[in-house]
Amino acid sequence: MQHQQAVGAGSRLQFGLGLNVGDAVVGNIGAERALNYTAIGDSVNLAKRLQEGAAGNQIVLSDAIYQMVQDHVEVTPLEAVHVKGRAALEKRWELMGLKAKPVFSGMPQLPQ
């Protein structure tokens, strides 16, 4: 809390997230003298493109991940975009929060 008061609003770090799901190759990639631990693949590229288009403090979901979590999250649909390397427009969703869990409505009836 003290740190937030010391840093002005214009100086705070803000970044957006792009989330996708899918297959990827993960590991040490590169030449023997310059190995880097990284992830590559189409699913990684889509997440990167979504992240690049996200505003500060915005979480953008791909359609694939939205289909997996739609029963648990509140979203706002975003305009579909053309992503480099893909022919079709990509649907995007902004994560707004989690859906409320059902409220416990009382004690279960015990057998007599």
Foldseek 3Di string as FASTA:
>chain_A
DVVVVVDDPVRDDFFEWFDFDDDWDFQFDDDPVDTDTDIDDDRVQNRVQRRVPDDTPWYKYWPHVCVVCVVWFDWDWDDFDDGPPDDDTTTIIITDGTDDDDDDDDDDDDDD
